[in-house]
Amino acid sequence: MSDMKKTVTCKYCSAEYPEELANCPYCGNANFYGQEKIYMQRMSQIRKRLASLAYIDKKIILKEILKIAGITAAVIAVIIAVIFTIISIDKNNYSKQINEMRGNIINEIQ
């Protein structure tokens, strides 16, 4: 008996048809049980699609954050390298100035 599908009788044309159909196949009148079942199936599909989109969005956001972090780290590394270069150049210039001053003092003493 479980193999048999449930049927409904259309209240407008009195035709019998399977309960899962959204509309009467004879007159087209709505079958609310069938329409609800189709609606719930579609909602389930939409929920699954939205869940997969949410997962994709998280992956995209994480990927963008990692990209920005990498770019930021590279920029900071370049800035530090420039600062150290400037400091070393200043040290060299300062050393040259000190040596010149020493030389001037030694020449004045002699």
C-alpha atoms as a PDB file:
ATOM      1  CA  MET A   1       0.000   0.000   0.000  1.00  0.00           C
ATOM      2  CA  SER A   2       2.925   2.372   0.579  1.00  0.00           C
ATOM      3  CA  ASP A   3       3.704   2.236  -3.169  1.00  0.00           C
ATOM      4  CA  MET A   4       0.458   4.037  -3.957  1.00  0.00           C
ATOM      5  CA  LYS A   5       0.636   7.789  -4.142  1.00  0.00           C
ATOM      6  CA  LYS A   6      -1.921   9.875  -2.318  1.00  0.00           C
ATOM      7  CA  THR A   7      -4.493  11.531  -4.506  1.00  0.00           C
ATOM      8  CA  VAL A   8      -6.634  14.594  -4.062  1.00  0.00           C
ATOM      9  CA  THR A   9      -9.955  15.493  -5.578  1.00  0.00           C
ATOM     10  CA  CYS A  10     -10.177  18.892  -7.223  1.00  0.00           C
ATOM     11  CA  LYS A  11     -12.921  20.899  -5.558  1.00  0.00           C
ATOM     12  CA  TYR A  12     -13.723  22.662  -8.845  1.00  0.00           C
ATOM     13  CA  CYS A  13     -13.769  19.887 -11.473  1.00  0.00           C
ATOM     14  CA  SER A  14     -13.888  16.814  -9.159  1.00  0.00           C
ATOM     15  CA  ALA A  15     -10.929  15.185 -10.953  1.00  0.00           C
ATOM     16  CA  GLU A  16      -8.505  13.012  -8.979  1.00  0.00           C
ATOM     17  CA  TYR A  17      -4.782  13.570  -9.355  1.00  0.00           C
ATOM     18  CA  PRO A  18      -1.559  12.969  -7.368  1.00  0.00           C
ATOM     19  CA  GLU A  19      -1.266  15.077  -4.236  1.00  0.00           C
ATOM     20  CA  GLU A  20       2.250  16.383  -5.067  1.00  0.00           C
ATOM     21  CA  LEU A  21       1.077  18.249  -8.192  1.00  0.00           C
ATOM     22  CA  ALA A  22       0.864  22.016  -7.700  1.00  0.00           C
ATOM     23  CA  ASN A  23      -2.181  22.396  -9.953  1.00  0.00           C
ATOM     24  CA  CYS A  24      -5.031  20.222 -11.152  1.00  0.00           C
ATOM     25  CA  PRO A  25      -3.933  18.792 -14.515  1.00  0.00           C
ATOM     26  CA  TYR A  26      -7.497  19.101 -15.829  1.00  0.00           C
ATOM     27  CA  CYS A  27      -8.711  22.557 -14.832  1.00  0.00           C
ATOM     28  CA  GLY A  28      -5.479  24.191 -13.566  1.00  0.00           C
ATOM     29  CA  ASN A  29      -6.852  25.032 -10.139  1.00  0.00           C
ATOM     30  CA  ALA A  30      -4.270  25.350  -7.361  1.00  0.00           C
ATOM     31  CA  ASN A  31      -3.464  22.438  -5.081  1.00  0.00           C
ATOM     32  CA  PHE A  32      -2.088  24.095  -1.976  1.00  0.00           C
ATOM     33  CA  TYR A  33      -0.355  20.984  -0.640  1.00  0.00           C
ATOM     34  CA  GLY A  34       1.510  20.459  -3.928  1.00  0.00           C
ATOM     35  CA  GLN A  35       2.364  24.153  -4.204  1.00  0.00           C
ATOM     36  CA  GLU A  36       3.673  24.208  -0.634  1.00  0.00           C
ATOM     37  CA  LYS A  37       5.811  21.135  -1.306  1.00  0.00           C
ATOM     38  CA  ILE A  38       7.334  22.732  -4.451  1.00  0.00           C
ATOM     39  CA  TYR A  39       7.823  26.009  -2.576  1.00  0.00           C
ATOM     40  CA  MET A  40       9.654  24.264   0.284  1.00  0.00           C
ATOM     41  CA  GLN A  41      11.880  22.366  -2.185  1.00  0.00           C
ATOM     42  CA  ARG A  42      12.805  25.632  -3.911  1.00  0.00           C
ATOM     43  CA  MET A  43      13.481  27.315  -0.559  1.00  0.00           C
ATOM     44  CA  SER A  44      15.764  24.434   0.381  1.00  0.00           C
ATOM     45  CA  GLN A  45      17.680  24.852  -2.881  1.00  0.00           C
ATOM     46  CA  ILE A  46      17.963  28.608  -2.298  1.00  0.00           C
ATOM     47  CA  ARG A  47      19.256  28.029   1.253  1.00  0.00           C
ATOM     48  CA  LYS A  48      21.913  25.640  -0.069  1.00  0.00           C
ATOM     49  CA  ARG A  49      22.976  28.137  -2.744  1.00  0.00           C
ATOM     50  CA  LEU A  50      23.134  30.983  -0.216  1.00  0.00           C
ATOM     51  CA  ALA A  51      25.196  28.846   2.152  1.00  0.00           C
ATOM     52  CA  SER A  52      27.669  28.066  -0.632  1.00  0.00           C
ATOM     53  CA  LEU A  53      27.841  31.760  -1.556  1.00  0.00           C
ATOM     54  CA  ALA A  54      28.550  32.676   2.066  1.00  0.00           C
ATOM     55  CA  TYR A  55      31.436  30.188   2.083  1.00  0.00           C
ATOM     56  CA  ILE A  56      32.794  31.610  -1.177  1.00  0.00           C
ATOM     57  CA  ASP A  57      32.523  35.155   0.183  1.00  0.00           C
ATOM     58  CA  LYS A  58      34.571  34.178   3.251  1.00  0.00           C
ATOM     59  CA  LYS A  59      37.233  32.640   1.031  1.00  0.00           C
ATOM     60  CA  ILE A  60      37.366  35.749  -1.165  1.00  0.00           C
ATOM     61  CA  ILE A  61      37.572  38.063   1.852  1.00  0.00           C
ATOM     62  CA  LEU A  62      40.367  35.989   3.409  1.00  0.00           C
ATOM     63  CA  LYS A  63      42.253  35.956   0.110  1.00  0.00           C
ATOM     64  CA  GLU A  64      41.973  39.761  -0.183  1.00  0.00           C
ATOM     65  CA  ILE A  65      43.100  40.252   3.433  1.00  0.00           C
ATOM     66  CA  LEU A  66      46.159  38.086   2.833  1.00  0.00           C
ATOM     67  CA  LYS A  67      46.931  39.988  -0.366  1.00  0.00           C
ATOM     68  CA  ILE A  68      46.685  43.350   1.429  1.00  0.00           C
ATOM     69  CA  ALA A  69      48.824  42.038   4.308  1.00  0.00           C
ATOM     70  CA  GLY A  70      51.493  40.908   1.831  1.00  0.00           C
ATOM     71  CA  ILE A  71      51.525  44.253   0.052  1.00  0.00           C
ATOM     72  CA  THR A  72      51.686  46.089   3.384  1.00  0.00           C
ATOM     73  CA  ALA A  73      54.612  43.938   4.530  1.00  0.00           C
ATOM     74  CA  ALA A  74      56.454  44.614   1.270  1.00  0.00           C
ATOM     75  CA  VAL A  75      55.901  48.375   1.564  1.00  0.00           C
ATOM     76  CA  ILE A  76      57.129  48.354   5.174  1.00  0.00           C
ATOM     77  CA  ALA A  77      60.223  46.383   4.135  1.00  0.00           C
ATOM     78  CA  VAL A  78      60.998  48.929   1.409  1.00  0.00           C
ATOM     79  CA  ILE A  79      60.537  51.844   3.836  1.00  0.00           C
ATOM     80  CA  ILE A  80      62.860  50.222   6.379  1.00  0.00           C
ATOM     81  CA  ALA A  81      65.456  49.560   3.680  1.00  0.00           C
ATOM     82  CA  VAL A  82      65.294  53.223   2.570  1.00  0.00           C
ATOM     83  CA  ILE A  83      65.646  54.438   6.168  1.00  0.00           C
ATOM     84  CA  PHE A  84      68.698  52.239   6.776  1.00  0.00           C
ATOM     85  CA  THR A  85      70.215  53.418   3.496  1.00  0.00           C
ATOM     86  CA  ILE A  86      69.706  57.050   4.485  1.00  0.00           C
ATOM     87  CA  ILE A  87      71.199  56.413   7.935  1.00  0.00           C
ATOM     88  CA  SER A  88      74.266  54.715   6.466  1.00  0.00           C
ATOM     89  CA  ILE A  89      74.748  57.569   3.977  1.00  0.00           C
ATOM     90  CA  ASP A  90      74.474  60.090   6.806  1.00  0.00           C
ATOM     91  CA  LYS A  91      77.020  58.116   8.849  1.00  0.00           C
ATOM     92  CA  ASN A  92      79.420  58.157   5.911  1.00  0.00           C
ATOM     93  CA  ASN A  93      78.954  61.907   5.433  1.00  0.00           C
ATOM     94  CA  TYR A  94      79.321  62.488   9.165  1.00  0.00           C
ATOM     95  CA  SER A  95      82.521  60.387   9.221  1.00  0.00           C
ATOM     96  CA  LYS A  96      83.904  62.397   6.294  1.00  0.00           C
ATOM     97  CA  GLN A  97      83.111  65.668   8.056  1.00  0.00           C
ATOM     98  CA  ILE A  98      84.783  64.471  11.270  1.00  0.00           C
ATOM     99  CA  ASN A  99      87.869  63.384   9.330  1.00  0.00           C
ATOM    100  CA  GLU A 100      88.016  66.768   7.588  1.00  0.00           C
ATOM    101  CA  MET A 101      87.700  68.557  10.943  1.00  0.00           C
ATOM    102  CA  ARG A 102      90.477  66.391  12.407  1.00  0.00           C
ATOM    103  CA  GLY A 103      92.626  67.142   9.403  1.00  0.00           C
ATOM    104  CA  ASN A 104      91.968  70.901   9.789  1.00  0.00           C
ATOM    105  CA  ILE A 105      92.772  70.784  13.491  1.00  0.00           C
ATOM    106  CA  ILE A 106      95.960  68.815  12.884  1.00  0.00           C
ATOM    107  CA  ASN A 107      96.994  71.296  10.143  1.00  0.00           C
ATOM    108  CA  GLU A 108      96.336  74.244  12.460  1.00  0.00           C
ATOM    109  CA  ILE A 109      98.381  72.690  15.239  1.00  0.00           C
ATOM    110  CA  GLN A 110     101.365  72.084  12.994  1.00  0.00           C
END
